[in-house]
Protein backbone atom coordinates (compact mmCIF):
# COMPACT_ATOMS: atom_id res chain seq x y z
CA MET A 1 -27.38 -3.23 1.93
CA VAL A 2 -25.08 -2.81 -0.73
CA LYS A 3 -21.71 -1.69 0.74
CA THR A 4 -19.40 1.06 -1.00
CA ILE A 5 -15.34 0.68 -0.95
CA PHE A 6 -13.41 4.00 -1.56
CA ILE A 7 -9.78 3.31 -3.02
CA THR A 8 -7.05 5.39 -3.89
CA GLY A 9 -4.12 4.20 -6.61
CA ALA A 10 -6.95 2.45 -8.47
CA SER A 11 -5.41 2.64 -11.89
CA THR A 12 -3.38 0.26 -12.26
CA GLY A 13 -1.69 -3.12 -10.24
CA LEU A 14 -3.26 -4.20 -6.79
CA GLY A 15 -5.64 -1.05 -6.84
CA LYS A 16 -7.69 -1.83 -10.00
CA ALA A 17 -7.50 -5.65 -9.36
CA THR A 18 -9.27 -4.76 -5.89
CA ALA A 19 -11.91 -2.47 -7.37
CA ILE A 20 -12.59 -4.88 -10.04
CA LEU A 21 -13.14 -7.90 -7.55
CA PHE A 22 -15.14 -5.91 -5.09
CA ALA A 23 -17.59 -4.50 -8.12
CA LEU A 24 -17.60 -8.27 -9.21
CA ARG A 25 -19.10 -8.98 -5.25
CA GLY A 26 -22.04 -6.36 -5.60
CA TRP A 27 -20.29 -3.57 -3.62
CA ASN A 28 -20.09 0.12 -5.08
CA VAL A 29 -16.83 1.24 -5.97
CA ILE A 30 -15.16 4.71 -5.73
CA ALA A 31 -11.93 4.32 -7.66
CA THR A 32 -9.48 6.85 -7.54
CA MET A 33 -6.74 7.74 -9.74
CA ARG A 34 -4.82 11.02 -10.85
CA SER A 35 -5.26 10.67 -14.52
CA PRO A 36 -9.09 9.30 -14.68
CA GLU A 37 -9.40 10.17 -18.12
CA LYS A 38 -6.24 7.72 -18.89
CA ASP A 39 -9.14 4.44 -17.28
CA ILE A 40 -9.93 2.27 -20.10
CA ASP A 41 -11.44 -0.50 -18.02
CA LEU A 42 -12.87 0.43 -14.53
CA SER A 43 -15.79 2.89 -15.95
CA GLY A 44 -17.21 -0.02 -17.86
CA TYR A 45 -18.43 -1.25 -14.65
CA PRO A 46 -21.98 0.25 -13.69
CA ASN A 47 -20.78 0.11 -10.06
CA ILE A 48 -17.34 1.28 -10.47
CA LYS A 49 -17.31 5.16 -10.39
CA VAL A 50 -13.86 6.89 -11.42
CA MET A 51 -12.89 10.32 -9.76
CA ALA A 52 -9.88 12.11 -10.13
CA LEU A 53 -7.55 12.40 -6.78
CA ASP A 54 -3.79 13.23 -6.30
CA VAL A 55 -3.22 11.68 -2.65
CA THR A 56 0.05 14.75 -2.66
CA ASP A 57 -2.87 17.37 -2.94
CA PRO A 58 -4.21 17.79 0.67
CA GLU A 59 -7.05 20.39 -0.79
CA GLN A 60 -7.92 18.09 -3.70
CA ILE A 61 -8.33 15.28 -0.71
CA ILE A 62 -10.67 17.54 1.46
CA ASP A 63 -12.89 18.46 -1.87
CA VAL A 64 -13.31 14.45 -3.06
CA ALA A 65 -14.16 13.36 0.88
CA VAL A 66 -16.92 16.02 0.80
CA ASN A 67 -18.16 15.32 -2.64
CA VAL A 68 -18.38 11.47 -1.70
CA ALA A 69 -19.88 12.51 1.42
CA THR A 70 -22.73 14.18 0.11
CA LYS A 71 -24.21 10.79 -1.90
CA VAL A 72 -22.77 8.10 0.08
CA VAL A 73 -20.58 7.52 3.25
CA PRO A 74 -18.36 4.39 2.33
CA ASP A 75 -17.88 1.35 4.53
CA VAL A 76 -14.23 1.10 3.46
CA VAL A 77 -11.50 3.65 2.87
CA PHE A 78 -8.93 1.47 1.23
CA ASN A 79 -5.25 3.55 1.05
CA ASN A 80 -3.28 2.00 -1.85
CA ALA A 81 -1.66 4.90 -3.63
CA GLY A 82 1.99 4.53 -3.38
CA TYR A 83 5.16 3.94 -5.30
CA GLY A 84 8.70 2.58 -4.03
CA LEU A 85 11.74 4.63 -4.41
CA SER A 86 14.99 2.34 -4.41
CA GLY A 87 18.63 3.12 -4.43
CA PRO A 88 21.32 5.08 -1.99
CA LEU A 89 20.34 7.14 0.02
CA GLU A 90 23.31 9.66 -1.19
CA GLY A 91 21.64 9.64 -4.33
CA THR A 92 18.69 10.78 -3.60
CA THR A 93 17.37 14.52 -4.83
CA ASP A 94 15.39 16.37 -1.83
CA GLU A 95 12.86 16.42 -4.29
CA GLN A 96 12.34 12.44 -4.01
CA LEU A 97 12.55 12.27 -0.66
CA THR A 98 9.79 14.72 -0.45
CA ARG A 99 7.96 13.03 -2.81
CA GLN A 100 7.81 9.75 -1.75
CA ILE A 101 6.80 10.90 1.88
CA ASN A 102 4.06 12.89 0.61
CA THR A 103 2.70 10.16 -1.66
CA ASN A 104 3.28 6.85 0.60
CA LEU A 105 3.17 8.74 4.40
CA LEU A 106 1.33 11.89 4.47
CA GLY A 107 -1.00 10.92 1.38
CA VAL A 108 -2.75 8.10 3.51
CA MET A 109 -2.60 10.08 6.45
CA ARG A 110 -4.50 13.40 5.02
CA VAL A 111 -7.02 10.84 3.18
CA THR A 112 -7.91 8.76 6.69
CA LYS A 113 -7.89 12.10 8.75
CA ALA A 114 -10.51 13.40 5.61
CA PHE A 115 -13.22 10.26 5.94
CA ILE A 116 -12.74 10.03 10.06
CA PRO A 117 -15.66 12.39 10.74
CA LEU A 118 -17.72 10.36 8.70
CA PHE A 119 -17.13 6.98 9.87
CA ARG A 120 -17.02 8.87 14.01
CA GLU A 121 -20.65 9.75 13.49
CA ARG A 122 -21.60 6.44 12.23
CA LYS A 123 -19.75 4.41 14.57
CA SER A 124 -18.37 1.57 12.44
CA GLY A 125 -16.08 1.88 9.05
CA ILE A 126 -13.00 0.23 8.16
CA PHE A 127 -9.40 2.06 7.11
CA LEU A 128 -7.49 -0.05 4.91
CA THR A 129 -4.30 0.52 4.40
CA THR A 130 -1.65 -1.04 1.87
CA THR A 131 1.94 -1.17 3.42
CA SER A 132 4.20 -3.74 2.41
CA ILE A 133 6.41 -6.45 3.76
CA GLY A 134 8.92 -3.75 3.43
CA GLY A 135 6.94 -2.26 6.56
CA LEU A 136 7.97 -5.59 8.57
CA VAL A 137 11.06 -6.21 7.32
CA THR A 138 14.18 -4.20 5.14
CA PHE A 139 16.32 -4.75 2.28
CA PRO A 140 19.28 -3.01 1.14
CA PHE A 141 18.88 0.39 -1.09
CA ASN A 142 15.20 0.91 -0.18
CA SER A 143 15.80 3.17 3.06
CA VAL A 144 13.84 5.72 2.08
CA TYR A 145 10.45 3.58 1.02
CA HIS A 146 10.92 1.56 4.26
CA ALA A 147 10.98 4.58 6.39
CA THR A 148 7.68 5.25 4.76
CA LYS A 149 6.29 1.89 5.20
CA TRP A 150 7.55 1.26 8.58
CA ALA A 151 5.72 4.37 9.49
CA LEU A 152 2.52 3.43 8.36
CA GLU A 153 2.65 0.28 10.10
CA GLY A 154 2.99 2.15 13.43
CA TRP A 155 0.94 4.88 12.51
CA CYS A 156 -1.87 2.63 12.06
CA GLU A 157 -1.08 0.52 15.02
CA SER A 158 -1.64 3.59 17.23
CA LEU A 159 -4.50 4.76 15.48
CA SER A 160 -6.32 1.23 15.93
CA TYR A 161 -6.38 2.07 19.39
CA GLU A 162 -8.15 5.82 19.47
CA LEU A 163 -10.41 5.10 16.37
CA GLY A 164 -11.62 1.56 17.85
CA GLN A 165 -13.18 3.78 20.76
CA PHE A 166 -15.93 4.94 17.97
CA GLY A 167 -16.13 1.53 16.57
CA ILE A 168 -13.74 2.16 13.67
CA ASP A 169 -11.14 -0.73 12.59
CA VAL A 170 -7.77 0.06 11.48
CA LYS A 171 -6.06 -2.48 9.51
CA THR A 172 -2.78 -3.14 6.90
CA VAL A 173 -2.21 -5.70 4.18
CA SER A 174 1.53 -6.33 3.74
CA PRO A 175 2.08 -7.80 0.40
CA GLY A 176 5.17 -8.95 -0.75
CA GLY A 177 6.57 -9.05 -4.54
CA ILE A 178 3.50 -8.61 -7.07
CA ARG A 179 3.56 -9.30 -10.39
CA THR A 180 2.65 -5.92 -11.93
CA ASP A 181 4.57 -3.19 -13.45
CA PHE A 182 5.31 -1.47 -10.24
CA ALA A 183 9.01 -2.02 -11.14
CA GLY A 184 8.67 0.25 -14.41
CA ARG A 185 5.84 2.15 -13.66
CA SER A 186 5.77 2.90 -9.78
CA LEU A 187 9.44 2.11 -9.17
CA VAL A 188 12.00 5.25 -8.81
CA LEU A 189 15.90 4.11 -8.96
CA THR A 190 18.29 6.45 -7.68
CA ASN A 191 22.04 6.10 -8.33
CA HIS A 192 25.62 7.29 -7.10
CA PRO A 193 28.93 6.21 -8.48
CA GLU A 194 29.94 5.09 -5.12
CA TYR A 195 27.43 2.42 -4.94
CA THR A 196 27.37 0.54 -8.30
CA GLU A 197 29.01 -2.22 -7.38
CA PRO A 198 26.91 -3.29 -4.34
CA LEU A 199 23.83 -2.03 -6.14
CA ASN A 200 24.03 -3.83 -8.82
CA LYS A 201 24.33 -7.31 -6.68
CA VAL A 202 20.94 -6.40 -4.99
CA LEU A 203 19.23 -5.70 -8.71
CA GLU A 204 20.31 -8.86 -9.52
CA VAL A 205 19.06 -10.74 -6.30
CA PHE A 206 15.42 -8.94 -6.61
CA ALA A 207 15.40 -10.06 -10.53
CA ASP A 208 16.08 -13.60 -9.77
CA PRO A 209 13.72 -15.89 -11.45
CA SER A 210 13.20 -18.23 -8.48
CA ARG A 211 12.61 -15.09 -6.13
CA THR A 212 10.18 -13.56 -8.58
CA ALA A 213 8.33 -16.66 -9.54
CA GLN A 214 7.29 -16.67 -5.70
CA HIS A 215 5.34 -13.30 -6.32
CA SER A 216 1.40 -13.04 -5.96
CA THR A 217 -0.47 -11.82 -8.64
CA PRO A 218 -2.63 -8.82 -7.71
CA GLU A 219 -5.51 -10.64 -8.12
CA GLN A 220 -4.28 -12.63 -5.20
CA ILE A 221 -3.86 -10.11 -2.98
CA ALA A 222 -6.91 -8.57 -3.56
CA LYS A 223 -8.73 -11.36 -1.95
CA VAL A 224 -6.56 -10.87 1.02
CA ILE A 225 -7.96 -7.37 0.52
CA PHE A 226 -11.38 -8.30 0.28
CA GLU A 227 -11.03 -10.56 3.44
CA ALA A 228 -9.54 -8.01 5.76
CA ALA A 229 -12.98 -5.77 4.58
CA THR A 230 -15.30 -8.62 5.39
CA ASP A 231 -14.06 -10.80 7.79
CA GLY A 232 -15.69 -9.03 11.12
CA GLN A 233 -12.05 -9.56 13.10
CA LYS A 234 -10.28 -6.97 15.10
CA ARG A 235 -7.18 -7.74 13.54
CA LEU A 236 -4.52 -5.33 12.65
CA ARG A 237 -2.42 -6.91 10.80
CA TYR A 238 -2.49 -9.00 7.37
CA ILE A 239 0.50 -10.54 5.48
CA ALA A 240 -0.49 -11.25 1.82
CA GLY A 241 1.56 -13.57 -0.59
CA GLU A 242 3.52 -17.00 0.61
CA ASP A 243 6.86 -15.03 0.05
CA ALA A 244 5.89 -11.96 2.08
CA LYS A 245 4.71 -14.88 5.06
CA ASN A 246 8.24 -16.81 4.59
CA ILE A 247 10.59 -13.78 5.06
CA TYR A 248 8.17 -12.64 8.07
CA MET A 249 8.54 -15.49 9.93
CA GLN A 250 12.43 -15.89 9.20
CA ARG A 251 12.57 -12.23 10.76
CA LEU A 252 10.51 -13.37 13.80
CA GLU A 253 12.11 -16.87 14.40
CA LEU A 254 15.91 -15.50 14.14
CA GLY A 255 15.47 -12.12 15.86
CA GLY A 256 16.28 -9.16 14.15
CA GLU A 257 19.90 -9.13 14.27
CA LYS A 258 20.44 -12.89 13.21
CA PHE A 259 17.89 -11.86 10.36
CA ARG A 260 20.00 -9.01 9.67
CA LYS A 261 23.11 -10.62 9.01
CA ALA A 262 21.54 -13.25 6.91
CA ILE A 263 20.20 -10.39 5.03
CA ASP A 264 24.01 -9.32 4.04
CA ILE A 265 24.63 -13.01 3.82
CA ARG A 266 21.81 -13.31 0.53
CA PHE A 267 22.85 -9.95 -1.13
CA PHE A 268 26.76 -9.44 -0.95
CA GLY A 269 27.67 -12.67 0.30
CA LYS A 270 29.19 -11.89 3.86
């Protein structure tokens, strides 16, 4: 039987690569994005259906879930829509705070909630969520982004207990750096005159070629998504990318306080 995956944030980057990988491996794919009229690639695959979905619109989420359910109950719901908000907290606007939480956290919760009844009735299904290595470790000037990603990690872990009672799996995939246009298209940078010097130091470290060379391609991370969707394991977390695995191992080995000091030294030399 042909399986189906429902994907949010499928217009570019990891979402797009995942849609293509699953399609090439014989799955039916429902690829959602805010502006499907701009899609020039995914709709060319016969087993990919492109749909409009803005995960910050609760009514549209419900409408899309109902629409999908009239045709098929997906085997996997992949929550991938999200973006980064970086810079000093003091420089953020309330609109920026609200939009980040609405997209990265509440959007995931609302999409998941909309599909739970379908999975529960069938007594099977997988909710997969892109968190980030930034949901397990932290870096300077990313506090709001980390707040959403750490929240997702805790939310998914708790949710796995209650949905596991109905045969439903909850899994997270935590990538490190991905070679996409995330920094240009999916990154909002705030600023404040009192933080210019330390912020520039952080941006310099993030842009270091020796660091970016360790980043994964979207296709490499998509393979981890496919593994999580098909390996049959009752496993919660999948760390994706060698850079993510290395930094997470450092945190586990050093412990929280020593790791935090090491980050301080790495970015600020103190």
